[in-house]
N, C-alpha and C. Protein backbone atom coordinates (compact mmCIF):
# COMPACT_ATOMS: atom_id res chain seq x y z
N MET A 1 -50.41 4.87 -6.42
CA MET A 1 -51.56 5.53 -5.86
C MET A 1 -51.20 6.92 -5.33
N ILE A 2 -50.11 7.01 -4.60
CA ILE A 2 -49.67 8.31 -4.07
C ILE A 2 -49.31 9.24 -5.21
N ARG A 3 -48.62 8.69 -6.22
CA ARG A 3 -48.23 9.51 -7.36
C ARG A 3 -49.48 10.07 -8.06
N GLN A 4 -50.52 9.27 -8.26
CA GLN A 4 -51.75 9.73 -8.90
C GLN A 4 -52.44 10.80 -8.05
N THR A 5 -52.44 10.60 -6.74
CA THR A 5 -53.06 11.58 -5.84
C THR A 5 -52.31 12.90 -5.89
N LEU A 6 -50.97 12.85 -5.87
CA LEU A 6 -50.16 14.07 -5.95
C LEU A 6 -50.35 14.76 -7.30
N THR A 7 -50.37 14.00 -8.37
CA THR A 7 -50.58 14.58 -9.70
C THR A 7 -51.93 15.27 -9.76
N ALA A 8 -52.96 14.63 -9.24
CA ALA A 8 -54.29 15.23 -9.23
C ALA A 8 -54.31 16.48 -8.36
N ALA A 9 -53.64 16.44 -7.22
CA ALA A 9 -53.59 17.59 -6.32
C ALA A 9 -52.87 18.76 -6.99
N PHE A 10 -51.75 18.50 -7.67
CA PHE A 10 -51.02 19.56 -8.37
C PHE A 10 -51.86 20.13 -9.51
N ALA A 11 -52.56 19.28 -10.23
CA ALA A 11 -53.41 19.74 -11.32
C ALA A 11 -54.52 20.65 -10.79
N LEU A 12 -55.12 20.24 -9.68
CA LEU A 12 -56.16 21.05 -9.06
C LEU A 12 -55.60 22.38 -8.57
N ALA A 13 -54.44 22.35 -7.93
CA ALA A 13 -53.80 23.57 -7.44
C ALA A 13 -53.48 24.51 -8.60
N ALA A 14 -52.98 23.97 -9.69
CA ALA A 14 -52.67 24.81 -10.86
C ALA A 14 -53.93 25.43 -11.44
N ALA A 15 -54.99 24.65 -11.51
CA ALA A 15 -56.25 25.16 -12.05
C ALA A 15 -56.82 26.26 -11.16
N LEU A 16 -56.76 26.06 -9.85
CA LEU A 16 -57.24 27.08 -8.92
C LEU A 16 -56.40 28.34 -9.00
N ALA A 17 -55.09 28.19 -9.09
CA ALA A 17 -54.20 29.35 -9.20
C ALA A 17 -54.51 30.14 -10.47
N ALA A 18 -54.72 29.46 -11.56
CA ALA A 18 -55.05 30.13 -12.82
C ALA A 18 -56.39 30.85 -12.73
N ALA A 19 -57.35 30.21 -12.08
CA ALA A 19 -58.67 30.82 -11.96
C ALA A 19 -58.62 32.09 -11.12
N PHE A 20 -57.85 32.07 -10.04
CA PHE A 20 -57.78 33.25 -9.18
C PHE A 20 -56.86 34.32 -9.74
N ALA A 21 -55.90 33.96 -10.55
CA ALA A 21 -54.99 34.94 -11.15
C ALA A 21 -55.66 35.70 -12.27
N ALA A 22 -56.56 35.07 -13.00
CA ALA A 22 -57.24 35.71 -14.13
C ALA A 22 -58.44 36.50 -13.61
N PRO A 23 -58.70 37.66 -14.21
CA PRO A 23 -59.88 38.41 -13.80
C PRO A 23 -61.15 37.64 -14.15
N ALA A 24 -62.16 37.79 -13.32
CA ALA A 24 -63.42 37.10 -13.56
C ALA A 24 -64.13 37.67 -14.78
N LEU A 25 -63.99 38.95 -15.00
CA LEU A 25 -64.62 39.61 -16.13
C LEU A 25 -63.55 40.41 -16.86
N ALA A 26 -63.81 40.77 -18.09
CA ALA A 26 -62.85 41.55 -18.86
C ALA A 26 -63.13 43.03 -18.67
N GLU A 27 -62.11 43.79 -18.28
CA GLU A 27 -62.24 45.23 -18.13
C GLU A 27 -62.58 45.86 -19.48
N LEU A 28 -63.49 46.80 -19.45
CA LEU A 28 -63.84 47.50 -20.69
C LEU A 28 -62.65 48.32 -21.16
N GLU A 29 -62.37 48.25 -22.43
CA GLU A 29 -61.20 48.91 -23.00
C GLU A 29 -61.64 49.98 -24.00
N PRO A 30 -60.75 50.94 -24.29
CA PRO A 30 -61.05 51.91 -25.33
C PRO A 30 -61.40 51.21 -26.63
N GLY A 31 -62.41 51.74 -27.30
CA GLY A 31 -62.90 51.16 -28.54
C GLY A 31 -64.15 50.33 -28.36
N GLU A 32 -64.44 49.92 -27.12
CA GLU A 32 -65.64 49.14 -26.84
C GLU A 32 -66.83 50.07 -26.59
N THR A 33 -68.02 49.56 -26.87
CA THR A 33 -69.24 50.32 -26.59
C THR A 33 -69.57 50.23 -25.11
N ALA A 34 -69.86 51.37 -24.51
CA ALA A 34 -70.23 51.41 -23.09
C ALA A 34 -71.64 50.85 -22.91
N PRO A 35 -71.83 49.93 -21.99
CA PRO A 35 -73.18 49.41 -21.73
C PRO A 35 -74.11 50.53 -21.25
N ASP A 36 -75.31 50.57 -21.78
CA ASP A 36 -76.29 51.59 -21.40
C ASP A 36 -76.82 51.27 -20.00
N PHE A 37 -77.23 52.30 -19.29
CA PHE A 37 -77.79 52.12 -17.94
C PHE A 37 -78.63 53.32 -17.56
N THR A 38 -79.47 53.12 -16.56
CA THR A 38 -80.24 54.18 -15.93
C THR A 38 -80.04 54.03 -14.43
N VAL A 39 -79.73 55.13 -13.75
CA VAL A 39 -79.49 55.10 -12.31
C VAL A 39 -80.18 56.29 -11.63
N ASP A 40 -80.38 56.16 -10.33
CA ASP A 40 -80.94 57.22 -9.51
C ASP A 40 -79.91 57.66 -8.49
N GLY A 41 -79.92 58.95 -8.18
CA GLY A 41 -78.97 59.47 -7.21
C GLY A 41 -79.31 60.90 -6.81
N PHE A 42 -78.24 61.69 -6.59
CA PHE A 42 -78.44 63.04 -6.06
C PHE A 42 -77.43 64.02 -6.66
N GLN A 43 -77.87 65.26 -6.82
CA GLN A 43 -76.98 66.37 -7.11
C GLN A 43 -77.44 67.53 -6.25
N ALA A 44 -76.51 68.14 -5.55
CA ALA A 44 -76.83 69.23 -4.63
C ALA A 44 -77.90 68.82 -3.63
N GLY A 45 -77.90 67.55 -3.26
CA GLY A 45 -78.84 67.03 -2.28
C GLY A 45 -80.21 66.70 -2.82
N ALA A 46 -80.48 67.01 -4.09
CA ALA A 46 -81.79 66.75 -4.68
C ALA A 46 -81.76 65.47 -5.52
N PRO A 47 -82.86 64.70 -5.50
CA PRO A 47 -82.90 63.47 -6.30
C PRO A 47 -82.82 63.76 -7.80
N VAL A 48 -82.05 62.94 -8.50
CA VAL A 48 -81.93 63.03 -9.95
C VAL A 48 -81.83 61.62 -10.53
N SER A 49 -82.15 61.51 -11.81
CA SER A 49 -81.98 60.26 -12.54
C SER A 49 -81.03 60.52 -13.69
N PHE A 50 -80.42 59.46 -14.19
CA PHE A 50 -79.46 59.57 -15.29
C PHE A 50 -79.63 58.37 -16.20
N HIS A 51 -79.71 58.62 -17.50
CA HIS A 51 -79.75 57.57 -18.51
C HIS A 51 -78.61 57.86 -19.48
N LEU A 52 -77.66 56.93 -19.58
CA LEU A 52 -76.46 57.16 -20.38
C LEU A 52 -76.80 57.54 -21.81
N ALA A 53 -77.66 56.79 -22.47
CA ALA A 53 -77.98 57.06 -23.89
C ALA A 53 -78.50 58.48 -24.07
N GLU A 54 -79.34 58.95 -23.17
CA GLU A 54 -79.87 60.31 -23.26
C GLU A 54 -78.77 61.34 -23.03
N ALA A 55 -77.90 61.11 -22.06
CA ALA A 55 -76.82 62.05 -21.76
C ALA A 55 -75.86 62.18 -22.93
N LEU A 56 -75.60 61.08 -23.62
CA LEU A 56 -74.66 61.10 -24.74
C LEU A 56 -75.18 61.92 -25.92
N GLU A 57 -76.47 62.21 -25.95
CA GLU A 57 -77.02 63.05 -27.01
C GLU A 57 -76.48 64.47 -26.94
N THR A 58 -75.99 64.87 -25.77
CA THR A 58 -75.47 66.23 -25.62
C THR A 58 -73.95 66.28 -25.57
N GLY A 59 -73.28 65.14 -25.59
CA GLY A 59 -71.82 65.12 -25.59
C GLY A 59 -71.26 63.99 -24.77
N PRO A 60 -69.92 64.01 -24.59
CA PRO A 60 -69.27 62.91 -23.86
C PRO A 60 -69.62 62.88 -22.38
N VAL A 61 -69.42 61.70 -21.79
CA VAL A 61 -69.68 61.50 -20.37
C VAL A 61 -68.42 60.93 -19.72
N VAL A 62 -68.06 61.52 -18.59
CA VAL A 62 -66.98 60.97 -17.76
C VAL A 62 -67.67 60.24 -16.63
N LEU A 63 -67.50 58.93 -16.62
CA LEU A 63 -68.15 58.06 -15.66
C LEU A 63 -67.08 57.53 -14.71
N PHE A 64 -67.16 57.96 -13.44
CA PHE A 64 -66.17 57.42 -12.50
C PHE A 64 -66.86 56.64 -11.40
N PHE A 65 -66.35 55.45 -11.19
CA PHE A 65 -66.81 54.58 -10.12
C PHE A 65 -65.88 54.79 -8.93
N PHE A 66 -66.45 54.79 -7.72
CA PHE A 66 -65.64 54.92 -6.52
C PHE A 66 -66.17 53.96 -5.46
N PRO A 67 -65.28 53.46 -4.59
CA PRO A 67 -65.68 52.40 -3.65
C PRO A 67 -66.81 52.76 -2.69
N ALA A 68 -66.75 53.93 -2.03
CA ALA A 68 -67.79 54.25 -1.05
C ALA A 68 -67.76 55.72 -0.68
N ALA A 69 -68.94 56.30 -0.58
CA ALA A 69 -69.06 57.68 -0.11
C ALA A 69 -68.52 57.78 1.32
N PHE A 70 -67.96 58.92 1.62
CA PHE A 70 -67.44 59.21 2.96
C PHE A 70 -66.27 58.32 3.37
N THR A 71 -65.40 58.03 2.42
CA THR A 71 -64.11 57.43 2.71
C THR A 71 -63.07 58.39 2.16
N SER A 72 -61.89 58.43 2.74
CA SER A 72 -60.93 59.48 2.41
C SER A 72 -60.55 59.55 0.94
N GLY A 73 -60.26 58.43 0.31
CA GLY A 73 -59.89 58.45 -1.11
C GLY A 73 -61.04 58.90 -1.99
N CYS A 74 -62.24 58.48 -1.66
CA CYS A 74 -63.41 58.85 -2.46
C CYS A 74 -63.76 60.32 -2.27
N GLU A 75 -63.58 60.82 -1.06
CA GLU A 75 -63.78 62.25 -0.82
C GLU A 75 -62.79 63.07 -1.64
N ALA A 76 -61.52 62.64 -1.66
CA ALA A 76 -60.49 63.35 -2.43
C ALA A 76 -60.79 63.31 -3.92
N GLN A 77 -61.22 62.15 -4.42
CA GLN A 77 -61.52 62.02 -5.84
C GLN A 77 -62.71 62.91 -6.22
N ALA A 78 -63.77 62.88 -5.44
CA ALA A 78 -64.95 63.71 -5.72
C ALA A 78 -64.59 65.19 -5.69
N ALA A 79 -63.81 65.60 -4.71
CA ALA A 79 -63.41 67.00 -4.61
C ALA A 79 -62.56 67.41 -5.80
N SER A 80 -61.71 66.52 -6.27
CA SER A 80 -60.86 66.81 -7.43
C SER A 80 -61.71 67.00 -8.69
N PHE A 81 -62.70 66.14 -8.90
CA PHE A 81 -63.60 66.32 -10.04
C PHE A 81 -64.38 67.62 -9.89
N ALA A 82 -64.86 67.94 -8.68
CA ALA A 82 -65.62 69.16 -8.46
C ALA A 82 -64.77 70.40 -8.75
N GLU A 83 -63.52 70.39 -8.32
CA GLU A 83 -62.63 71.54 -8.56
C GLU A 83 -62.36 71.76 -10.04
N SER A 84 -62.46 70.71 -10.84
CA SER A 84 -62.14 70.79 -12.27
C SER A 84 -63.39 70.81 -13.15
N ILE A 85 -64.57 70.95 -12.56
CA ILE A 85 -65.81 70.82 -13.34
C ILE A 85 -65.88 71.83 -14.47
N ALA A 86 -65.37 73.03 -14.30
CA ALA A 86 -65.42 74.04 -15.37
C ALA A 86 -64.63 73.57 -16.59
N GLU A 87 -63.51 72.88 -16.37
CA GLU A 87 -62.73 72.36 -17.49
C GLU A 87 -63.49 71.26 -18.23
N PHE A 88 -64.17 70.41 -17.49
CA PHE A 88 -64.98 69.35 -18.12
C PHE A 88 -66.11 69.97 -18.94
N GLU A 89 -66.78 70.94 -18.36
CA GLU A 89 -67.89 71.59 -19.06
C GLU A 89 -67.40 72.32 -20.31
N ALA A 90 -66.23 72.96 -20.24
CA ALA A 90 -65.67 73.65 -21.40
C ALA A 90 -65.39 72.67 -22.54
N LEU A 91 -65.13 71.43 -22.21
CA LEU A 91 -64.90 70.39 -23.22
C LEU A 91 -66.19 69.67 -23.61
N GLY A 92 -67.32 70.16 -23.09
CA GLY A 92 -68.63 69.61 -23.44
C GLY A 92 -68.98 68.31 -22.74
N ALA A 93 -68.27 67.97 -21.67
CA ALA A 93 -68.47 66.69 -21.00
C ALA A 93 -69.29 66.83 -19.73
N GLN A 94 -70.05 65.79 -19.46
CA GLN A 94 -70.79 65.67 -18.21
C GLN A 94 -70.06 64.66 -17.34
N VAL A 95 -69.91 64.98 -16.06
CA VAL A 95 -69.24 64.11 -15.09
C VAL A 95 -70.29 63.49 -14.19
N ILE A 96 -70.18 62.16 -13.96
CA ILE A 96 -71.04 61.51 -12.99
C ILE A 96 -70.21 60.51 -12.18
N GLY A 97 -70.59 60.36 -10.92
CA GLY A 97 -69.95 59.38 -10.05
C GLY A 97 -70.95 58.29 -9.68
N ILE A 98 -70.45 57.07 -9.54
CA ILE A 98 -71.30 55.93 -9.17
C ILE A 98 -70.58 55.08 -8.14
N THR A 99 -71.32 54.62 -7.12
CA THR A 99 -70.75 53.78 -6.08
C THR A 99 -71.74 52.73 -5.60
N ALA A 100 -71.20 51.71 -4.97
CA ALA A 100 -72.04 50.71 -4.31
C ALA A 100 -71.94 50.85 -2.79
N GLY A 101 -71.08 51.75 -2.32
CA GLY A 101 -70.83 51.86 -0.89
C GLY A 101 -71.43 53.10 -0.25
N ASN A 102 -72.09 52.93 0.86
CA ASN A 102 -72.70 54.01 1.64
C ASN A 102 -73.71 54.80 0.80
N THR A 103 -74.49 54.10 0.00
CA THR A 103 -75.43 54.77 -0.90
C THR A 103 -76.55 55.48 -0.16
N ASP A 104 -76.78 55.13 1.08
CA ASP A 104 -77.80 55.81 1.87
C ASP A 104 -77.39 57.23 2.24
N ARG A 105 -76.14 57.60 1.97
CA ARG A 105 -75.64 58.94 2.32
C ARG A 105 -75.27 59.76 1.08
N LEU A 106 -75.73 59.35 -0.11
CA LEU A 106 -75.34 60.05 -1.33
C LEU A 106 -75.86 61.48 -1.42
N ALA A 107 -77.03 61.77 -0.87
CA ALA A 107 -77.55 63.14 -0.90
C ALA A 107 -76.57 64.07 -0.19
N GLU A 108 -76.13 63.65 0.98
CA GLU A 108 -75.17 64.43 1.77
C GLU A 108 -73.81 64.51 1.06
N PHE A 109 -73.36 63.40 0.50
CA PHE A 109 -72.07 63.36 -0.22
C PHE A 109 -72.10 64.30 -1.43
N SER A 110 -73.24 64.38 -2.09
CA SER A 110 -73.34 65.23 -3.29
C SER A 110 -73.13 66.70 -2.98
N THR A 111 -73.47 67.12 -1.79
CA THR A 111 -73.26 68.53 -1.43
C THR A 111 -71.90 68.75 -0.78
N GLN A 112 -71.51 67.86 0.12
CA GLN A 112 -70.27 68.06 0.86
C GLN A 112 -69.01 67.83 0.04
N HIS A 113 -68.93 66.72 -0.66
CA HIS A 113 -67.67 66.38 -1.32
C HIS A 113 -67.70 66.56 -2.83
N CYS A 114 -68.89 66.58 -3.41
CA CYS A 114 -69.02 66.86 -4.84
C CYS A 114 -69.29 68.33 -5.06
N ALA A 115 -69.43 69.07 -3.98
CA ALA A 115 -69.66 70.52 -4.01
C ALA A 115 -70.84 70.87 -4.91
N SER A 116 -71.81 69.99 -5.01
CA SER A 116 -73.00 70.17 -5.84
C SER A 116 -72.68 70.35 -7.32
N ALA A 117 -71.43 70.05 -7.73
CA ALA A 117 -70.97 70.30 -9.10
C ALA A 117 -71.39 69.22 -10.09
N PHE A 118 -71.64 68.02 -9.62
CA PHE A 118 -72.03 66.90 -10.49
C PHE A 118 -72.83 65.90 -9.67
N PRO A 119 -73.60 65.05 -10.34
CA PRO A 119 -74.41 64.08 -9.60
C PRO A 119 -73.64 62.82 -9.24
N VAL A 120 -74.10 62.17 -8.17
CA VAL A 120 -73.57 60.86 -7.77
C VAL A 120 -74.75 59.91 -7.64
N PHE A 121 -74.49 58.64 -7.99
CA PHE A 121 -75.56 57.67 -8.10
C PHE A 121 -75.18 56.37 -7.39
N ALA A 122 -76.23 55.65 -6.98
CA ALA A 122 -76.05 54.29 -6.47
C ALA A 122 -75.90 53.37 -7.68
N LEU A 123 -75.03 52.41 -7.56
CA LEU A 123 -74.78 51.43 -8.61
C LEU A 123 -76.09 50.80 -9.07
N GLY A 124 -76.29 50.76 -10.37
CA GLY A 124 -77.50 50.19 -10.94
C GLY A 124 -77.39 48.68 -11.11
N GLU A 125 -78.53 48.06 -11.27
CA GLU A 125 -78.61 46.61 -11.46
C GLU A 125 -77.75 46.18 -12.65
N GLY A 126 -76.89 45.22 -12.43
CA GLY A 126 -76.06 44.67 -13.50
C GLY A 126 -74.81 45.45 -13.82
N MET A 127 -74.66 46.64 -13.28
CA MET A 127 -73.51 47.48 -13.63
C MET A 127 -72.19 46.91 -13.14
N MET A 128 -72.20 46.25 -11.99
CA MET A 128 -70.96 45.68 -11.43
C MET A 128 -70.34 44.74 -12.46
N ALA A 129 -71.15 43.91 -13.07
CA ALA A 129 -70.65 42.96 -14.08
C ALA A 129 -70.45 43.64 -15.43
N ASP A 130 -71.42 44.46 -15.86
CA ASP A 130 -71.32 45.10 -17.17
C ASP A 130 -70.06 45.94 -17.31
N TYR A 131 -69.68 46.64 -16.25
CA TYR A 131 -68.52 47.52 -16.28
C TYR A 131 -67.29 46.90 -15.60
N ASP A 132 -67.42 45.68 -15.09
CA ASP A 132 -66.34 44.99 -14.40
C ASP A 132 -65.68 45.89 -13.36
N VAL A 133 -66.48 46.35 -12.41
CA VAL A 133 -65.98 47.26 -11.39
C VAL A 133 -66.08 46.67 -9.98
N ARG A 134 -66.00 45.37 -9.89
CA ARG A 134 -66.02 44.70 -8.58
C ARG A 134 -64.65 44.92 -7.93
N LEU A 135 -64.64 45.48 -6.73
CA LEU A 135 -63.40 45.70 -5.99
C LEU A 135 -63.00 44.39 -5.34
N ALA A 136 -61.93 43.79 -5.82
CA ALA A 136 -61.52 42.45 -5.37
C ALA A 136 -61.26 42.39 -3.87
N ILE A 137 -60.69 43.45 -3.31
CA ILE A 137 -60.34 43.41 -1.89
C ILE A 137 -61.53 43.68 -0.97
N MET A 138 -62.63 44.17 -1.53
CA MET A 138 -63.84 44.43 -0.73
C MET A 138 -65.06 44.05 -1.55
N PRO A 139 -65.45 42.79 -1.55
CA PRO A 139 -66.62 42.37 -2.33
C PRO A 139 -67.84 43.22 -1.99
N GLY A 140 -68.61 43.55 -3.01
CA GLY A 140 -69.78 44.40 -2.82
C GLY A 140 -69.49 45.86 -3.02
N ARG A 141 -68.23 46.22 -3.17
CA ARG A 141 -67.85 47.61 -3.43
C ARG A 141 -67.32 47.73 -4.85
N THR A 142 -67.42 48.92 -5.39
CA THR A 142 -66.91 49.17 -6.74
C THR A 142 -65.44 49.57 -6.69
N SER A 143 -64.74 49.24 -7.75
CA SER A 143 -63.36 49.66 -7.88
C SER A 143 -63.33 51.15 -8.21
N ARG A 144 -62.15 51.73 -8.16
CA ARG A 144 -61.99 53.13 -8.55
C ARG A 144 -61.60 53.10 -10.03
N THR A 145 -62.59 53.18 -10.89
CA THR A 145 -62.40 53.07 -12.33
C THR A 145 -63.09 54.24 -13.01
N THR A 146 -62.40 54.87 -13.94
CA THR A 146 -62.96 55.99 -14.69
C THR A 146 -62.98 55.65 -16.17
N HIS A 147 -64.10 55.97 -16.81
CA HIS A 147 -64.24 55.80 -18.26
C HIS A 147 -64.63 57.15 -18.86
N VAL A 148 -64.00 57.49 -19.98
CA VAL A 148 -64.47 58.60 -20.80
C VAL A 148 -65.20 57.96 -21.97
N ILE A 149 -66.45 58.37 -22.15
CA ILE A 149 -67.31 57.79 -23.17
C ILE A 149 -67.67 58.90 -24.16
N ASN A 150 -67.36 58.70 -25.45
CA ASN A 150 -67.67 59.74 -26.42
C ASN A 150 -69.15 59.76 -26.76
N ALA A 151 -69.58 60.77 -27.53
CA ALA A 151 -71.00 60.94 -27.83
C ALA A 151 -71.59 59.77 -28.61
N ASP A 152 -70.74 58.95 -29.23
CA ASP A 152 -71.22 57.76 -29.94
C ASP A 152 -71.36 56.55 -29.02
N GLY A 153 -71.05 56.72 -27.72
CA GLY A 153 -71.17 55.64 -26.76
C GLY A 153 -69.96 54.73 -26.71
N VAL A 154 -68.86 55.17 -27.30
CA VAL A 154 -67.63 54.38 -27.33
C VAL A 154 -66.68 54.85 -26.23
N ILE A 155 -66.12 53.91 -25.52
CA ILE A 155 -65.15 54.24 -24.47
C ILE A 155 -63.85 54.67 -25.13
N THR A 156 -63.36 55.85 -24.76
CA THR A 156 -62.12 56.36 -25.33
C THR A 156 -60.96 56.32 -24.34
N MET A 157 -61.28 56.15 -23.05
CA MET A 157 -60.25 56.06 -22.02
C MET A 157 -60.79 55.27 -20.84
N THR A 158 -59.95 54.39 -20.30
CA THR A 158 -60.26 53.66 -19.08
C THR A 158 -59.06 53.79 -18.15
N HIS A 159 -59.33 54.17 -16.92
CA HIS A 159 -58.26 54.25 -15.92
C HIS A 159 -58.75 53.54 -14.66
N ASN A 160 -58.04 52.51 -14.24
CA ASN A 160 -58.41 51.72 -13.08
C ASN A 160 -57.25 51.76 -12.10
N GLU A 161 -57.40 52.56 -11.07
CA GLU A 161 -56.31 52.75 -10.10
C GLU A 161 -56.94 53.20 -8.78
N LEU A 162 -56.57 52.55 -7.68
CA LEU A 162 -57.12 52.94 -6.38
C LEU A 162 -56.67 54.33 -5.95
N ASN A 163 -55.50 54.77 -6.38
CA ASN A 163 -55.05 56.13 -6.07
C ASN A 163 -56.01 57.11 -6.76
N PRO A 164 -56.64 58.01 -5.99
CA PRO A 164 -57.69 58.86 -6.57
C PRO A 164 -57.19 60.05 -7.39
N TYR A 165 -55.91 60.31 -7.40
CA TYR A 165 -55.44 61.60 -7.90
C TYR A 165 -55.19 61.71 -9.40
N GLU A 166 -55.08 60.63 -10.15
CA GLU A 166 -54.82 60.74 -11.58
C GLU A 166 -56.09 60.69 -12.43
N HIS A 167 -57.21 60.37 -11.87
CA HIS A 167 -58.43 60.17 -12.64
C HIS A 167 -58.87 61.44 -13.37
N VAL A 168 -58.80 62.57 -12.72
CA VAL A 168 -59.22 63.84 -13.34
C VAL A 168 -58.27 64.20 -14.49
N ASP A 169 -56.97 64.17 -14.24
CA ASP A 169 -56.00 64.55 -15.28
C ASP A 169 -56.11 63.65 -16.50
N ARG A 170 -56.23 62.36 -16.29
CA ARG A 170 -56.34 61.43 -17.42
C ARG A 170 -57.65 61.64 -18.19
N SER A 171 -58.72 61.92 -17.47
CA SER A 171 -60.01 62.17 -18.13
C SER A 171 -59.95 63.43 -18.97
N LEU A 172 -59.39 64.50 -18.42
CA LEU A 172 -59.27 65.75 -19.17
C LEU A 172 -58.38 65.57 -20.40
N ALA A 173 -57.29 64.84 -20.26
CA ALA A 173 -56.41 64.59 -21.41
C ALA A 173 -57.15 63.83 -22.51
N ALA A 174 -57.94 62.84 -22.13
CA ALA A 174 -58.71 62.08 -23.13
C ALA A 174 -59.74 62.96 -23.82
N LEU A 175 -60.39 63.82 -23.07
CA LEU A 175 -61.37 64.73 -23.67
C LEU A 175 -60.70 65.72 -24.61
N ARG A 176 -59.53 66.20 -24.24
CA ARG A 176 -58.80 67.14 -25.12
C ARG A 176 -58.41 66.46 -26.42
N GLU A 177 -58.05 65.18 -26.36
CA GLU A 177 -57.71 64.43 -27.57
C GLU A 177 -58.93 64.26 -28.48
N MET A 178 -60.11 64.19 -27.88
CA MET A 178 -61.35 64.01 -28.64
C MET A 178 -61.82 65.32 -29.27
N ALA A 179 -61.42 66.45 -28.67
CA ALA A 179 -61.90 67.76 -29.12
C ALA A 179 -61.45 68.04 -30.55
N PRO A 180 -62.32 68.68 -31.33
CA PRO A 180 -61.93 69.04 -32.69
C PRO A 180 -60.72 69.98 -32.68
N GLN A 181 -59.81 69.73 -33.58
CA GLN A 181 -58.60 70.56 -33.67
C GLN A 181 -58.86 71.71 -34.64
N ASP A 182 -58.38 72.90 -34.27
CA ASP A 182 -58.57 74.08 -35.15
C ASP A 182 -57.66 74.05 -36.34
């Protein structure tokens, strides 16, 4: 009886360990089609809307998710994208930021930390699951994940790292690889 109970307990423990070790959803990888979405947010403090399929008609989109407006890492990441916006535009790309945190302050964040250079949006319905951007250490917040999406709607680069400083460089490198060669 004790042996059966221990065996069952070990089996349960192993199953739970496997469940928690494996991601709940699969991270989107290069080569996959980006899920379409429509979101509302702000640029330069003014309300704006964004529809991925429409934006892709004019070129690639750099979509970066960040945990919350007005947190130090997110402020640094937004400022880094804003400082490099001319490089993104030269490569024909549109940059957008999306978060689930402090969304009531996005108008202010769009002017202060995005320097009015690009829009920021509140996470849309279903996006947390569609893009697998649930921040494990803070449920309800988005991970710091960046996707470069080509004009055909295909993800060409995914970078998932809490450190905010490599997202811009990796995005620009992916866009340069996509650019037509002379």
